C-alpha atoms as a PDB file:
ATOM      1  CA  UNK A   1       8.065 -21.680  -9.676  1.00  0.00           C
ATOM      2  CA  UNK A   2       5.893 -19.678  -6.873  1.00  0.00           C
ATOM      3  CA  UNK A   3       4.543 -21.642  -4.010  1.00  0.00           C
ATOM      4  CA  UNK A   4       1.059 -21.461  -5.782  1.00  0.00           C
ATOM      5  CA  UNK A   5      -0.426 -23.227  -2.611  1.00  0.00           C
ATOM      6  CA  UNK A   6       0.491 -20.844  -0.315  1.00  0.00           C
ATOM      7  CA  UNK A   7      -0.587 -17.672  -2.588  1.00  0.00           C
ATOM      8  CA  UNK A   8      -4.467 -19.513  -3.078  1.00  0.00           C
ATOM      9  CA  UNK A   9      -4.333 -19.779   0.841  1.00  0.00           C
ATOM     10  CA  UNK A  10      -3.762 -16.095   0.883  1.00  0.00           C
ATOM     11  CA  UNK A  11      -6.768 -15.287  -1.458  1.00  0.00           C
ATOM     12  CA  UNK A  12      -8.690 -17.629  -0.065  1.00  0.00           C
ATOM     13  CA  UNK A  13      -8.443 -15.923   3.361  1.00  0.00           C
ATOM     14  CA  UNK A  14      -8.490 -12.556   2.168  1.00  0.00           C
ATOM     15  CA  UNK A  15     -11.497 -11.057   4.014  1.00  0.00           C
ATOM     16  CA  UNK A  16      -9.715 -12.400   7.462  1.00  0.00           C
ATOM     17  CA  UNK A  17      -6.697 -11.492   6.682  1.00  0.00           C
ATOM     18  CA  UNK A  18      -7.788  -7.965   5.822  1.00  0.00           C
ATOM     19  CA  UNK A  19     -10.068  -7.609   8.993  1.00  0.00           C
ATOM     20  CA  UNK A  20      -7.176  -8.603  11.423  1.00  0.00           C
ATOM     21  CA  UNK A  21      -4.806  -5.848   9.325  1.00  0.00           C
ATOM     22  CA  UNK A  22      -6.993  -3.001   9.843  1.00  0.00           C
ATOM     23  CA  UNK A  23      -7.073  -3.932  13.407  1.00  0.00           C
ATOM     24  CA  UNK A  24      -3.450  -3.967  13.644  1.00  0.00           C
ATOM     25  CA  UNK A  25      -3.938  -0.499  11.938  1.00  0.00           C
ATOM     26  CA  UNK A  26      -6.255   0.603  14.533  1.00  0.00           C
ATOM     27  CA  UNK A  27      -3.941  -0.385  17.251  1.00  0.00           C
ATOM     28  CA  UNK A  28      -0.459   0.413  16.170  1.00  0.00           C
ATOM     29  CA  UNK A  29       0.653   4.109  17.239  1.00  0.00           C
ATOM     30  CA  UNK A  30       2.367   3.755  13.895  1.00  0.00           C
ATOM     31  CA  UNK A  31      -0.538   4.261  11.709  1.00  0.00           C
ATOM     32  CA  UNK A  32      -3.190   6.338  13.868  1.00  0.00           C
ATOM     33  CA  UNK A  33      -3.425   8.606  10.935  1.00  0.00           C
ATOM     34  CA  UNK A  34      -4.674   6.138   8.748  1.00  0.00           C
ATOM     35  CA  UNK A  35      -8.310   6.353  10.288  1.00  0.00           C
ATOM     36  CA  UNK A  36      -8.478   9.082   8.401  1.00  0.00           C
ATOM     37  CA  UNK A  37      -9.404   6.779   5.258  1.00  0.00           C
ATOM     38  CA  UNK A  38     -12.779   5.539   5.234  1.00  0.00           C
ATOM     39  CA  UNK A  39     -12.656   1.755   6.866  1.00  0.00           C
ATOM     40  CA  UNK A  40     -14.242   0.150   3.809  1.00  0.00           C
ATOM     41  CA  UNK A  41     -11.991   1.902   1.348  1.00  0.00           C
ATOM     42  CA  UNK A  42      -9.236   0.306   3.531  1.00  0.00           C
ATOM     43  CA  UNK A  43     -10.692  -2.841   3.907  1.00  0.00           C
ATOM     44  CA  UNK A  44     -11.447  -2.923   0.006  1.00  0.00           C
ATOM     45  CA  UNK A  45      -8.170  -1.862  -0.868  1.00  0.00           C
ATOM     46  CA  UNK A  46      -6.710  -5.046   1.573  1.00  0.00           C
ATOM     47  CA  UNK A  47      -9.003  -7.547   0.418  1.00  0.00           C
ATOM     48  CA  UNK A  48      -8.167  -6.504  -3.346  1.00  0.00           C
ATOM     49  CA  UNK A  49      -4.430  -7.183  -2.621  1.00  0.00           C
ATOM     50  CA  UNK A  50      -4.957 -10.253  -1.166  1.00  0.00           C
ATOM     51  CA  UNK A  51      -7.656 -11.779  -3.204  1.00  0.00           C
ATOM     52  CA  UNK A  52      -5.850 -11.313  -6.473  1.00  0.00           C
ATOM     53  CA  UNK A  53      -2.206 -11.742  -5.101  1.00  0.00           C
ATOM     54  CA  UNK A  54      -1.258 -14.116  -7.567  1.00  0.00           C
ATOM     55  CA  UNK A  55      -2.450 -11.729 -10.077  1.00  0.00           C
ATOM     56  CA  UNK A  56      -0.468  -8.769  -8.724  1.00  0.00           C
ATOM     57  CA  UNK A  57       2.866 -11.009  -8.293  1.00  0.00           C
ATOM     58  CA  UNK A  58       2.518 -13.119 -11.570  1.00  0.00           C
ATOM     59  CA  UNK A  59       0.615 -11.038 -14.107  1.00  0.00           C
ATOM     60  CA  UNK A  60       0.879  -6.706 -13.306  1.00  0.00           C
ATOM     61  CA  UNK A  61       3.599  -4.842 -14.778  1.00  0.00           C
ATOM     62  CA  UNK A  62       5.616  -2.948 -13.516  1.00  0.00           C
ATOM     63  CA  UNK A  63       3.426  -0.071 -15.073  1.00  0.00           C
ATOM     64  CA  UNK A  64       0.694  -1.094 -13.735  1.00  0.00           C
ATOM     65  CA  UNK A  65       2.221  -1.247  -9.693  1.00  0.00           C
ATOM     66  CA  UNK A  66       3.196   2.159 -10.244  1.00  0.00           C
ATOM     67  CA  UNK A  67       0.149   3.980 -11.556  1.00  0.00           C
ATOM     68  CA  UNK A  68      -1.663   1.878  -8.859  1.00  0.00           C
ATOM     69  CA  UNK A  69       0.711   2.817  -5.906  1.00  0.00           C
ATOM     70  CA  UNK A  70       1.242   6.872  -7.151  1.00  0.00           C
ATOM     71  CA  UNK A  71      -2.542   6.769  -7.169  1.00  0.00           C
ATOM     72  CA  UNK A  72      -2.759   5.568  -3.639  1.00  0.00           C
ATOM     73  CA  UNK A  73      -0.089   8.025  -2.681  1.00  0.00           C
ATOM     74  CA  UNK A  74      -1.903  11.026  -3.929  1.00  0.00           C
ATOM     75  CA  UNK A  75      -5.467   9.719  -2.339  1.00  0.00           C
ATOM     76  CA  UNK A  76      -3.771   9.387   0.727  1.00  0.00           C
ATOM     77  CA  UNK A  77      -1.576  12.958   1.037  1.00  0.00           C
ATOM     78  CA  UNK A  78      -4.967  14.483   0.128  1.00  0.00           C
ATOM     79  CA  UNK A  79      -6.486  12.620   2.594  1.00  0.00           C
ATOM     80  CA  UNK A  80      -4.473  14.197   5.077  1.00  0.00           C
ATOM     81  CA  UNK A  81      -2.424  10.751   6.006  1.00  0.00           C
ATOM     82  CA  UNK A  82       1.151  11.603   6.921  1.00  0.00           C
ATOM     83  CA  UNK A  83       3.482   9.929   4.905  1.00  0.00           C
ATOM     84  CA  UNK A  84       5.338   8.047   7.626  1.00  0.00           C
ATOM     85  CA  UNK A  85       1.980   6.426   8.522  1.00  0.00           C
ATOM     86  CA  UNK A  86       1.627   5.371   5.036  1.00  0.00           C
ATOM     87  CA  UNK A  87       4.448   3.810   4.861  1.00  0.00           C
ATOM     88  CA  UNK A  88       4.429   2.350   7.810  1.00  0.00           C
ATOM     89  CA  UNK A  89       1.108   0.667   6.950  1.00  0.00           C
ATOM     90  CA  UNK A  90       1.955  -1.023   3.772  1.00  0.00           C
ATOM     91  CA  UNK A  91       5.444  -2.509   5.753  1.00  0.00           C
ATOM     92  CA  UNK A  92       2.822  -3.712   8.236  1.00  0.00           C
ATOM     93  CA  UNK A  93       0.631  -4.690   5.633  1.00  0.00           C
ATOM     94  CA  UNK A  94       3.867  -6.993   4.401  1.00  0.00           C
ATOM     95  CA  UNK A  95       4.934  -8.200   8.025  1.00  0.00           C
ATOM     96  CA  UNK A  96       1.325  -9.030   8.514  1.00  0.00           C
ATOM     97  CA  UNK A  97       1.108 -11.234   5.279  1.00  0.00           C
ATOM     98  CA  UNK A  98       4.867 -13.041   5.951  1.00  0.00           C
ATOM     99  CA  UNK A  99       3.194 -13.545   9.591  1.00  0.00           C
ATOM    100  CA  UNK A 100       0.377 -15.619   7.947  1.00  0.00           C
ATOM    101  CA  UNK A 101       2.778 -17.762   5.465  1.00  0.00           C
ATOM    102  CA  UNK A 102       4.892 -18.597   8.418  1.00  0.00           C
ATOM    103  CA  UNK A 103       2.165 -19.861  10.501  1.00  0.00           C
ATOM    104  CA  UNK A 104       0.118 -21.249   7.195  1.00  0.00           C
ATOM    105  CA  UNK A 105       3.472 -22.857   6.072  1.00  0.00           C
ATOM    106  CA  UNK A 106       3.659 -26.539   6.335  1.00  0.00           C
ATOM    107  CA  UNK A 107       6.594 -27.356   4.086  1.00  0.00           C
ATOM    108  CA  UNK A 108       7.285 -30.991   3.502  1.00  0.00           C
ATOM    109  CA  UNK A 109      10.831 -30.505   1.109  1.00  0.00           C
ATOM    110  CA  UNK A 110      13.524 -28.779  -0.425  1.00  0.00           C
ATOM    111  CA  UNK A 111      11.205 -27.901  -3.488  1.00  0.00           C
ATOM    112  CA  UNK A 112       8.556 -26.668  -1.010  1.00  0.00           C
ATOM    113  CA  UNK A 113      11.032 -24.543   0.704  1.00  0.00           C
ATOM    114  CA  UNK A 114      12.266 -23.443  -2.713  1.00  0.00           C
ATOM    115  CA  UNK A 115       8.852 -22.295  -3.665  1.00  0.00           C
ATOM    116  CA  UNK A 116       8.429 -20.177  -0.510  1.00  0.00           C
ATOM    117  CA  UNK A 117      11.602 -18.453  -0.748  1.00  0.00           C
ATOM    118  CA  UNK A 118      10.696 -17.390  -4.540  1.00  0.00           C
ATOM    119  CA  UNK A 119       6.886 -16.242  -3.041  1.00  0.00           C
ATOM    120  CA  UNK A 120       8.644 -14.086  -0.252  1.00  0.00           C
ATOM    121  CA  UNK A 121      11.399 -12.634  -3.168  1.00  0.00           C
ATOM    122  CA  UNK A 122       8.227 -11.955  -5.556  1.00  0.00           C
ATOM    123  CA  UNK A 123       6.593 -10.261  -2.407  1.00  0.00           C
ATOM    124  CA  UNK A 124       9.441  -8.498  -1.302  1.00  0.00           C
ATOM    125  CA  UNK A 125       9.919  -6.697  -4.608  1.00  0.00           C
ATOM    126  CA  UNK A 126       6.221  -6.311  -4.832  1.00  0.00           C
ATOM    127  CA  UNK A 127       6.098  -4.421  -1.703  1.00  0.00           C
ATOM    128  CA  UNK A 128       9.108  -2.456  -1.941  1.00  0.00           C
ATOM    129  CA  UNK A 129       8.416  -0.925  -5.379  1.00  0.00           C
ATOM    130  CA  UNK A 130       4.552  -0.218  -3.844  1.00  0.00           C
ATOM    131  CA  UNK A 131       6.333   1.767  -0.953  1.00  0.00           C
ATOM    132  CA  UNK A 132       8.591   3.550  -3.829  1.00  0.00           C
ATOM    133  CA  UNK A 133       5.633   4.291  -6.027  1.00  0.00           C
ATOM    134  CA  UNK A 134       3.418   5.455  -3.200  1.00  0.00           C
ATOM    135  CA  UNK A 135       6.233   8.084  -1.972  1.00  0.00           C
ATOM    136  CA  UNK A 136       6.560   9.502  -5.620  1.00  0.00           C
ATOM    137  CA  UNK A 137       2.373   9.816  -5.597  1.00  0.00           C
ATOM    138  CA  UNK A 138       2.682  11.316  -2.138  1.00  0.00           C
ATOM    139  CA  UNK A 139       5.500  13.768  -2.979  1.00  0.00           C
ATOM    140  CA  UNK A 140       3.647  14.560  -6.797  1.00  0.00           C
ATOM    141  CA  UNK A 141       0.291  15.714  -4.573  1.00  0.00           C
ATOM    142  CA  UNK A 142       2.502  17.803  -2.550  1.00  0.00           C
ATOM    143  CA  UNK A 143       4.067  19.563  -4.911  1.00  0.00           C
ATOM    144  CA  UNK A 144       0.805  20.171  -6.354  1.00  0.00           C
ATOM    145  CA  UNK A 145      -0.884  21.311  -3.425  1.00  0.00           C
ATOM    146  CA  UNK A 146       2.310  23.803  -2.761  1.00  0.00           C
ATOM    147  CA  UNK A 147       1.749  25.034  -6.330  1.00  0.00           C
ATOM    148  CA  UNK A 148      -1.983  25.628  -6.273  1.00  0.00           C
ATOM    149  CA  UNK A 149      -1.012  27.053  -2.599  1.00  0.00           C
ATOM    150  CA  UNK A 150       1.197  29.407  -4.546  1.00  0.00           C
ATOM    151  CA  UNK A 151      -0.592  30.452  -7.313  1.00  0.00           C
ATOM    152  CA  UNK A 152      -3.725  31.514  -5.086  1.00  0.00           C
ATOM    153  CA  UNK A 153      -1.175  33.723  -2.902  1.00  0.00           C
ATOM    154  CA  UNK A 154       0.238  35.255  -5.790  1.00  0.00           C
ATOM    155  CA  UNK A 155      -3.213  35.934  -7.162  1.00  0.00           C
ATOM    156  CA  UNK A 156      -3.817  37.622  -3.930  1.00  0.00           C
ATOM    157  CA  UNK A 157      -0.971  39.371  -4.201  1.00  0.00           C
ATOM    158  CA  UNK A 158      -1.328  40.878  -7.459  1.00  0.00           C
ATOM    159  CA  UNK A 159      -5.857  41.451  -6.999  1.00  0.00           C
ATOM    160  CA  UNK A 160      -4.475  43.636  -3.484  1.00  0.00           C
ATOM    161  CA  UNK A 161      -1.558  45.854  -5.604  1.00  0.00           C
ATOM    162  CA  UNK A 162      -4.497  46.609  -8.255  1.00  0.00           C
ATOM    163  CA  UNK A 163      -6.797  47.792  -5.379  1.00  0.00           C
ATOM    164  CA  UNK A 164      -4.265  49.898  -4.206  1.00  0.00           C
END
């Protein structure tokens, strides 16, 4: 029994949560290269997760999370965002959400505490998977770029040896 009241609170506050998260990205030395990503794209990504959190936590399959975060990793690699900055951004996103829940969560009894603990477990699992799949996607993009670069180098060497 996930704490649906808290999840709904997150979903309702998705826009303000996203704006304050973007401010953290702008001000953190750990995420300074995230500014290479268009701000609208970052904002849309944050809002999408926060606004649809119950769906992400309760209904999305591991394969859907994998597909989404591998794509995020690949895209950020192509945008020139260092992997460390990207992982920091995910961790800051999780911490930002937990801070909001701690601030807003007004627990009354053991049942609410159990629900909040369950929510934290789901969130931790979601973000842990997001980190792993993001790294895998990022590495895949780096491998593709290295292979393409190697192929170009081989083609140039072959062309030079033919012309000599």
